[in-house]
N, C-alpha and C. Protein backbone atom coordinates (compact mmCIF):
# COMPACT_ATOMS: atom_id res chain seq x y z
N MET A 1 0.80 -1.19 0.00
CA MET A 1 0.00 0.00 0.00
C MET A 1 0.86 1.27 0.00
N PHE A 2 2.00 1.25 0.68
CA PHE A 2 2.87 2.41 0.76
C PHE A 2 4.14 2.23 -0.09
N LYS A 3 4.07 1.35 -1.08
CA LYS A 3 5.26 1.07 -1.89
C LYS A 3 5.81 2.32 -2.59
N GLY A 4 4.96 3.20 -3.05
CA GLY A 4 5.39 4.36 -3.83
C GLY A 4 6.10 5.45 -3.03
N LEU A 5 6.12 5.37 -1.73
CA LEU A 5 6.74 6.44 -0.93
C LEU A 5 8.23 6.55 -1.16
N GLY A 6 8.89 5.47 -1.49
CA GLY A 6 10.34 5.54 -1.76
C GLY A 6 10.63 6.42 -2.96
N GLN A 7 9.82 6.34 -3.96
CA GLN A 7 10.00 7.17 -5.14
C GLN A 7 9.70 8.63 -4.86
N MET A 8 8.80 8.89 -3.92
CA MET A 8 8.49 10.27 -3.57
C MET A 8 9.71 10.95 -2.97
N GLY A 9 10.48 10.20 -2.17
CA GLY A 9 11.70 10.75 -1.59
C GLY A 9 12.71 11.10 -2.67
N ASP A 10 12.82 10.24 -3.69
CA ASP A 10 13.73 10.50 -4.80
C ASP A 10 13.28 11.75 -5.58
N MET A 11 11.98 11.89 -5.75
CA MET A 11 11.43 13.04 -6.46
C MET A 11 11.73 14.32 -5.68
N ALA A 12 11.61 14.26 -4.37
CA ALA A 12 11.90 15.44 -3.54
C ALA A 12 13.36 15.83 -3.67
N LYS A 13 14.25 14.85 -3.70
CA LYS A 13 15.68 15.14 -3.86
C LYS A 13 15.94 15.78 -5.22
N MET A 14 15.27 15.26 -6.25
CA MET A 14 15.45 15.80 -7.58
C MET A 14 14.95 17.24 -7.67
N MET A 15 13.82 17.50 -7.04
CA MET A 15 13.27 18.86 -7.04
C MET A 15 14.19 19.82 -6.27
N GLN A 16 14.76 19.34 -5.18
CA GLN A 16 15.68 20.16 -4.39
C GLN A 16 16.93 20.47 -5.21
N ALA A 17 17.44 19.46 -5.94
CA ALA A 17 18.63 19.67 -6.77
C ALA A 17 18.33 20.66 -7.89
N ALA A 18 17.15 20.57 -8.48
CA ALA A 18 16.76 21.50 -9.55
C ALA A 18 16.67 22.93 -9.02
N GLN A 19 16.10 23.08 -7.82
CA GLN A 19 15.98 24.41 -7.22
C GLN A 19 17.36 24.97 -6.90
N GLU A 20 18.24 24.11 -6.40
CA GLU A 20 19.61 24.53 -6.08
C GLU A 20 20.33 25.00 -7.36
N MET A 21 20.14 24.25 -8.44
CA MET A 21 20.79 24.61 -9.70
C MET A 21 20.24 25.95 -10.21
N GLN A 22 18.95 26.15 -10.09
CA GLN A 22 18.34 27.40 -10.53
C GLN A 22 18.90 28.59 -9.74
N GLU A 23 19.09 28.42 -8.44
CA GLU A 23 19.66 29.47 -7.62
C GLU A 23 21.10 29.77 -8.03
N LYS A 24 21.87 28.70 -8.27
CA LYS A 24 23.27 28.89 -8.67
C LYS A 24 23.36 29.57 -10.03
N MET A 25 22.46 29.22 -10.96
CA MET A 25 22.47 29.86 -12.27
C MET A 25 22.14 31.35 -12.15
N GLY A 26 21.18 31.68 -11.29
CA GLY A 26 20.84 33.09 -11.07
C GLY A 26 22.01 33.86 -10.51
N GLN A 27 22.70 33.25 -9.56
CA GLN A 27 23.86 33.89 -8.95
C GLN A 27 24.97 34.07 -9.99
N LEU A 28 25.19 33.04 -10.83
CA LEU A 28 26.23 33.13 -11.85
C LEU A 28 25.90 34.23 -12.85
N GLN A 29 24.65 34.35 -13.25
CA GLN A 29 24.28 35.40 -14.19
C GLN A 29 24.54 36.79 -13.61
N GLU A 30 24.28 36.97 -12.33
CA GLU A 30 24.58 38.25 -11.68
C GLU A 30 26.08 38.51 -11.67
N GLU A 31 26.86 37.47 -11.36
CA GLU A 31 28.32 37.62 -11.34
C GLU A 31 28.85 37.95 -12.73
N MET A 32 28.25 37.36 -13.75
CA MET A 32 28.72 37.58 -15.11
C MET A 32 28.44 39.00 -15.60
N GLN A 33 27.50 39.68 -14.98
CA GLN A 33 27.27 41.09 -15.30
C GLN A 33 28.44 41.95 -14.82
N GLN A 34 29.17 41.47 -13.82
CA GLN A 34 30.30 42.21 -13.26
C GLN A 34 31.64 41.79 -13.87
N MET A 35 31.74 40.55 -14.35
CA MET A 35 32.99 40.07 -14.93
C MET A 35 33.23 40.77 -16.26
N THR A 36 34.46 41.16 -16.53
CA THR A 36 34.79 41.79 -17.81
C THR A 36 35.95 41.07 -18.47
N VAL A 37 35.99 41.21 -19.78
CA VAL A 37 37.11 40.71 -20.58
C VAL A 37 37.52 41.85 -21.51
N THR A 38 38.76 41.82 -21.94
CA THR A 38 39.26 42.86 -22.84
C THR A 38 39.81 42.22 -24.09
N GLY A 39 39.31 42.70 -25.22
CA GLY A 39 39.83 42.26 -26.52
C GLY A 39 40.69 43.37 -27.07
N GLU A 40 41.61 43.00 -27.95
CA GLU A 40 42.47 44.04 -28.51
C GLU A 40 42.83 43.73 -29.95
N SER A 41 43.29 44.77 -30.63
CA SER A 41 43.77 44.62 -32.00
C SER A 41 44.92 45.59 -32.20
N GLY A 42 45.62 45.40 -33.32
CA GLY A 42 46.74 46.29 -33.60
C GLY A 42 47.79 46.25 -32.52
N THR A 43 48.09 45.05 -32.03
CA THR A 43 49.04 44.83 -30.93
C THR A 43 48.79 45.77 -29.74
N GLY A 44 47.51 45.89 -29.40
CA GLY A 44 47.15 46.67 -28.22
C GLY A 44 46.85 48.13 -28.48
N LEU A 45 46.86 48.57 -29.73
CA LEU A 45 46.56 49.97 -30.03
C LEU A 45 45.09 50.28 -29.78
N VAL A 46 44.24 49.28 -29.96
CA VAL A 46 42.81 49.45 -29.69
C VAL A 46 42.38 48.33 -28.76
N LYS A 47 41.72 48.70 -27.66
CA LYS A 47 41.25 47.73 -26.68
C LYS A 47 39.76 47.97 -26.43
N ALA A 48 39.01 46.88 -26.40
CA ALA A 48 37.58 46.95 -26.11
C ALA A 48 37.30 46.08 -24.90
N THR A 49 36.57 46.63 -23.94
CA THR A 49 36.22 45.88 -22.73
C THR A 49 34.72 45.69 -22.70
N CYS A 50 34.31 44.44 -22.42
CA CYS A 50 32.88 44.16 -22.30
C CYS A 50 32.64 43.18 -21.17
N THR A 51 31.39 43.12 -20.72
CA THR A 51 31.04 42.16 -19.69
C THR A 51 31.03 40.78 -20.32
N VAL A 52 31.04 39.76 -19.47
CA VAL A 52 30.98 38.39 -19.96
C VAL A 52 29.64 38.14 -20.66
N LYS A 53 28.65 38.95 -20.35
CA LYS A 53 27.36 38.85 -21.03
C LYS A 53 27.40 39.51 -22.41
N GLY A 54 28.51 40.17 -22.76
CA GLY A 54 28.70 40.74 -24.08
C GLY A 54 28.40 42.22 -24.21
N GLU A 55 28.10 42.91 -23.11
CA GLU A 55 27.80 44.33 -23.15
C GLU A 55 29.10 45.14 -23.20
N LEU A 56 29.26 45.92 -24.27
CA LEU A 56 30.45 46.75 -24.44
C LEU A 56 30.50 47.82 -23.37
N LYS A 57 31.60 47.90 -22.64
CA LYS A 57 31.73 48.86 -21.55
C LYS A 57 32.67 50.02 -21.88
N SER A 58 33.75 49.74 -22.60
CA SER A 58 34.68 50.83 -22.90
C SER A 58 35.56 50.49 -24.10
N LEU A 59 36.09 51.55 -24.69
CA LEU A 59 37.08 51.47 -25.76
C LEU A 59 38.28 52.29 -25.35
N ASP A 60 39.46 51.77 -25.60
CA ASP A 60 40.69 52.51 -25.33
C ASP A 60 41.47 52.54 -26.64
N ILE A 61 41.63 53.73 -27.20
CA ILE A 61 42.28 53.87 -28.49
C ILE A 61 43.54 54.71 -28.34
N ASP A 62 44.67 54.15 -28.73
CA ASP A 62 45.94 54.86 -28.68
C ASP A 62 45.88 56.02 -29.69
N PRO A 63 46.14 57.24 -29.24
CA PRO A 63 46.02 58.40 -30.14
C PRO A 63 46.98 58.35 -31.33
N SER A 64 48.00 57.55 -31.28
CA SER A 64 48.96 57.51 -32.38
C SER A 64 48.35 56.95 -33.67
N ILE A 65 47.21 56.29 -33.58
CA ILE A 65 46.63 55.72 -34.79
C ILE A 65 45.71 56.68 -35.53
N PHE A 66 45.46 57.85 -34.97
CA PHE A 66 44.57 58.81 -35.63
C PHE A 66 45.31 59.55 -36.74
N ASN A 67 44.93 59.20 -37.92
CA ASN A 67 45.49 59.83 -39.12
C ASN A 67 44.35 59.84 -40.13
N ALA A 68 44.00 61.00 -40.62
CA ALA A 68 42.85 61.13 -41.52
C ALA A 68 42.96 60.23 -42.74
N ASP A 69 44.19 59.99 -43.20
CA ASP A 69 44.39 59.15 -44.38
C ASP A 69 44.15 57.67 -44.08
N GLU A 70 44.15 57.31 -42.82
CA GLU A 70 44.00 55.89 -42.44
C GLU A 70 42.71 55.64 -41.66
N LYS A 71 41.67 56.38 -41.97
CA LYS A 71 40.38 56.25 -41.29
C LYS A 71 39.86 54.81 -41.33
N GLU A 72 39.92 54.17 -42.47
CA GLU A 72 39.41 52.81 -42.61
C GLU A 72 40.21 51.82 -41.76
N VAL A 73 41.50 52.05 -41.65
CA VAL A 73 42.34 51.18 -40.83
C VAL A 73 41.92 51.29 -39.37
N VAL A 74 41.69 52.50 -38.90
CA VAL A 74 41.26 52.73 -37.52
C VAL A 74 39.91 52.05 -37.29
N GLU A 75 38.98 52.21 -38.21
CA GLU A 75 37.67 51.58 -38.07
C GLU A 75 37.80 50.06 -37.99
N ASP A 76 38.65 49.49 -38.84
CA ASP A 76 38.87 48.04 -38.83
C ASP A 76 39.47 47.57 -37.51
N LEU A 77 40.41 48.35 -36.97
CA LEU A 77 41.02 48.00 -35.69
C LEU A 77 39.99 48.04 -34.56
N ILE A 78 39.12 49.03 -34.59
CA ILE A 78 38.08 49.14 -33.57
C ILE A 78 37.14 47.95 -33.64
N LEU A 79 36.68 47.63 -34.85
CA LEU A 79 35.79 46.48 -35.00
C LEU A 79 36.47 45.18 -34.58
N ALA A 80 37.72 45.03 -34.92
CA ALA A 80 38.45 43.82 -34.56
C ALA A 80 38.57 43.68 -33.04
N ALA A 81 38.83 44.79 -32.35
CA ALA A 81 38.95 44.75 -30.89
C ALA A 81 37.61 44.39 -30.25
N ILE A 82 36.53 44.96 -30.78
CA ILE A 82 35.20 44.65 -30.24
C ILE A 82 34.86 43.19 -30.47
N LYS A 83 35.11 42.69 -31.65
CA LYS A 83 34.84 41.28 -31.95
C LYS A 83 35.67 40.36 -31.07
N ASP A 84 36.92 40.73 -30.83
CA ASP A 84 37.79 39.93 -29.97
C ASP A 84 37.24 39.90 -28.55
N ALA A 85 36.79 41.05 -28.05
CA ALA A 85 36.23 41.11 -26.69
C ALA A 85 34.95 40.28 -26.61
N GLN A 86 34.10 40.36 -27.62
CA GLN A 86 32.86 39.59 -27.61
C GLN A 86 33.13 38.09 -27.65
N GLN A 87 34.12 37.67 -28.42
CA GLN A 87 34.46 36.24 -28.46
C GLN A 87 35.01 35.78 -27.12
N LYS A 88 35.86 36.60 -26.51
CA LYS A 88 36.39 36.27 -25.19
C LYS A 88 35.26 36.20 -24.16
N ALA A 89 34.28 37.08 -24.28
CA ALA A 89 33.13 37.07 -23.37
C ALA A 89 32.34 35.77 -23.53
N LYS A 90 32.12 35.37 -24.76
CA LYS A 90 31.39 34.13 -25.04
C LYS A 90 32.15 32.92 -24.47
N ASP A 91 33.45 32.90 -24.69
CA ASP A 91 34.28 31.79 -24.18
C ASP A 91 34.25 31.75 -22.65
N LYS A 92 34.35 32.91 -22.01
CA LYS A 92 34.34 32.98 -20.55
C LYS A 92 32.99 32.54 -20.00
N ALA A 93 31.90 32.94 -20.66
CA ALA A 93 30.56 32.54 -20.23
C ALA A 93 30.42 31.03 -20.30
N GLN A 94 30.90 30.42 -21.38
CA GLN A 94 30.84 28.96 -21.52
C GLN A 94 31.69 28.28 -20.46
N GLU A 95 32.84 28.85 -20.17
CA GLU A 95 33.72 28.29 -19.15
C GLU A 95 33.05 28.32 -17.78
N GLU A 96 32.45 29.46 -17.44
CA GLU A 96 31.78 29.59 -16.14
C GLU A 96 30.58 28.66 -16.04
N MET A 97 29.82 28.54 -17.11
CA MET A 97 28.67 27.65 -17.11
C MET A 97 29.14 26.19 -17.00
N GLY A 98 30.25 25.88 -17.65
CA GLY A 98 30.81 24.53 -17.56
C GLY A 98 31.20 24.18 -16.13
N LYS A 99 31.76 25.15 -15.42
CA LYS A 99 32.12 24.92 -14.02
C LYS A 99 30.87 24.63 -13.19
N LEU A 100 29.79 25.38 -13.46
CA LEU A 100 28.54 25.20 -12.72
C LEU A 100 27.95 23.83 -12.98
N THR A 101 27.82 23.46 -14.25
CA THR A 101 27.20 22.17 -14.56
C THR A 101 28.05 21.00 -14.10
N GLU A 102 29.35 21.12 -14.25
CA GLU A 102 30.24 20.05 -13.81
C GLU A 102 30.18 19.89 -12.29
N GLY A 103 30.07 21.00 -11.58
CA GLY A 103 29.97 20.96 -10.12
C GLY A 103 28.69 20.30 -9.64
N MET A 104 27.69 20.24 -10.51
CA MET A 104 26.42 19.62 -10.15
C MET A 104 26.31 18.21 -10.69
N GLY A 105 27.42 17.69 -11.24
CA GLY A 105 27.42 16.32 -11.75
C GLY A 105 26.85 16.18 -13.14
N LEU A 106 26.68 17.29 -13.85
CA LEU A 106 26.19 17.26 -15.22
C LEU A 106 27.37 17.34 -16.17
N PRO A 107 27.19 16.93 -17.43
CA PRO A 107 28.29 17.05 -18.40
C PRO A 107 28.73 18.50 -18.54
N LYS A 108 30.04 18.71 -18.61
CA LYS A 108 30.60 20.06 -18.69
C LYS A 108 30.11 20.81 -19.92
N ASP A 109 29.92 20.10 -21.02
CA ASP A 109 29.51 20.77 -22.26
C ASP A 109 28.00 20.83 -22.45
N MET A 110 27.25 20.57 -21.40
CA MET A 110 25.79 20.62 -21.48
C MET A 110 25.35 22.06 -21.72
N LYS A 111 24.53 22.26 -22.74
CA LYS A 111 24.05 23.60 -23.07
C LYS A 111 22.78 23.88 -22.28
N LEU A 112 22.84 24.88 -21.42
CA LEU A 112 21.69 25.30 -20.64
C LEU A 112 21.21 26.64 -21.16
N PRO A 113 19.95 26.97 -20.96
CA PRO A 113 19.49 28.29 -21.41
C PRO A 113 20.26 29.39 -20.72
N PHE A 114 20.75 30.32 -21.50
CA PHE A 114 21.62 31.34 -20.94
C PHE A 114 21.48 32.64 -21.66
């Protein structure tokens, strides 16, 4: 008559683990709003900093590259630095998520909504 109670305990553990994971994911997302990465181009002449979530925060451009005749080169360097920062942000986000999932006994490369 009470055979099913053992499974109820397992279900409660599973629900608790899911809630714990949801809390950790929320905390990680908040932390990722504060984490930054910096991409660069032109051997550091242009630097772009963004959050791990991909939000561009700042650009640092060495004044030596400003030359009216090389406007397109400067634009390319700026775009390259931004793209580099965004790729680093994506990589860092995946790394942090991998740490979270691995810590919970899930496969490191498991794709979770993010």
